[in-house]
Amino acid sequence: MACNSSGVKTSSTVISNDRCKLISVHASDFSTTGTIKIYNNTAASGTELVRIAYDASKQVAIEFDMHGVIADGGLYLELSGSGSCAVSVEFA
């Protein structure tokens, strides 16, 4: 199965405006601590599909397999916390 990629994102943004399947989330380049959230929406509200907390002192990279979860309202990536990171979202 082929899928789309958001490309590397370093700030909160809309990933998809359309109904899609969330395939996976990849994150790296953690500076300190923070949280990665993905919503079934085009804004940081509604159903939260993913919440990943990261800590640069404990992790180098994270891969989170979502097995094609359906997001009928689009996908929104929210990055929060005191740190920064680089995230890519794969979807179909």
Protein backbone atom coordinates (compact mmCIF):
# COMPACT_ATOMS: atom_id res chain seq x y z
CA MET A 1 0.00 0.00 0.00
CA ALA A 2 1.38 3.39 -0.97
CA CYS A 3 0.94 6.38 1.28
CA ASN A 4 1.53 10.12 1.42
CA SER A 5 3.99 11.89 3.70
CA SER A 6 3.59 15.27 5.33
CA GLY A 7 7.31 15.81 4.94
CA VAL A 8 9.27 16.91 8.01
CA LYS A 9 7.34 19.37 10.18
CA THR A 10 8.75 21.40 13.09
CA SER A 11 5.59 23.30 14.07
CA SER A 12 1.86 22.65 14.45
CA THR A 13 0.02 22.42 11.13
CA VAL A 14 -2.79 20.82 9.12
CA ILE A 15 -1.55 17.55 7.61
CA SER A 16 -4.67 16.73 5.57
CA ASN A 17 -7.99 18.47 4.98
CA ASP A 18 -9.58 15.27 3.68
CA ARG A 19 -10.74 11.93 5.05
CA CYS A 20 -7.70 9.65 5.21
CA LYS A 21 -6.01 6.74 6.97
CA LEU A 22 -3.28 7.54 9.49
CA ILE A 23 -0.47 5.08 8.77
CA SER A 24 2.42 6.14 11.03
CA VAL A 25 4.22 8.95 12.86
CA HIS A 26 8.01 9.40 12.93
CA ALA A 27 9.80 11.87 15.20
CA SER A 28 13.41 12.80 15.96
CA ASP A 29 15.72 15.75 16.69
CA PHE A 30 14.31 16.26 20.20
CA SER A 31 15.74 19.30 21.99
CA THR A 32 14.30 18.84 25.49
CA THR A 33 10.76 17.62 26.34
CA GLY A 34 7.39 17.97 24.68
CA THR A 35 4.27 16.34 23.31
CA ILE A 36 3.18 15.36 19.81
CA LYS A 37 -0.58 15.14 19.25
CA ILE A 38 -2.55 14.31 16.12
CA TYR A 39 -6.25 15.17 15.91
CA ASN A 40 -9.05 13.88 13.68
CA ASN A 41 -9.73 17.46 12.61
CA THR A 42 -8.17 20.41 10.80
CA ALA A 43 -7.53 22.18 14.13
CA ALA A 44 -6.20 21.25 17.58
CA SER A 45 -9.59 20.05 18.83
CA GLY A 46 -11.91 17.11 18.45
CA THR A 47 -10.84 13.49 18.73
CA GLU A 48 -7.20 13.05 19.66
CA LEU A 49 -5.80 10.06 17.73
CA VAL A 50 -2.20 10.15 18.95
CA ARG A 51 -0.36 11.50 21.99
CA ILE A 52 3.38 10.93 22.23
CA ALA A 53 5.45 12.46 25.03
CA TYR A 54 9.17 12.77 24.31
CA ASP A 55 12.27 13.47 26.36
CA ALA A 56 15.58 14.15 24.62
CA SER A 57 17.53 12.65 27.53
CA LYS A 58 15.79 9.27 26.99
CA GLN A 59 14.97 9.03 23.27
CA VAL A 60 16.68 9.57 19.95
CA ALA A 61 13.76 8.79 17.65
CA ILE A 62 10.20 7.45 17.79
CA GLU A 63 8.17 5.48 15.27
CA PHE A 64 4.47 5.01 16.03
CA ASP A 65 2.50 2.62 13.78
CA MET A 66 -1.20 3.55 13.56
CA HIS A 67 -2.35 0.64 11.33
CA GLY A 68 -4.51 2.81 9.07
CA VAL A 69 -6.76 4.52 11.63
CA ILE A 70 -9.52 6.38 9.74
CA ALA A 71 -9.58 10.15 10.22
CA ASP A 72 -12.81 11.39 8.65
CA GLY A 73 -12.21 15.02 9.66
CA GLY A 74 -8.68 15.42 8.32
CA LEU A 75 -5.42 15.38 10.31
CA TYR A 76 -3.91 18.13 12.45
CA LEU A 77 -0.45 17.91 14.02
CA GLU A 78 0.10 19.78 17.29
CA LEU A 79 3.60 20.13 18.75
CA SER A 80 3.79 21.51 22.27
CA GLY A 81 6.08 21.72 25.28
CA SER A 82 9.38 23.35 26.07
CA GLY A 83 11.30 21.48 23.39
CA SER A 84 11.29 21.10 19.66
CA CYS A 85 11.32 18.10 17.36
CA ALA A 86 11.02 17.05 13.72
CA VAL A 87 7.92 14.99 12.84
CA SER A 88 6.65 13.32 9.68
CA VAL A 89 3.15 11.89 9.36
CA GLU A 90 2.38 9.16 6.84
CA PHE A 91 -1.22 8.83 5.65
CA ALA A 92 -3.26 7.37 2.79
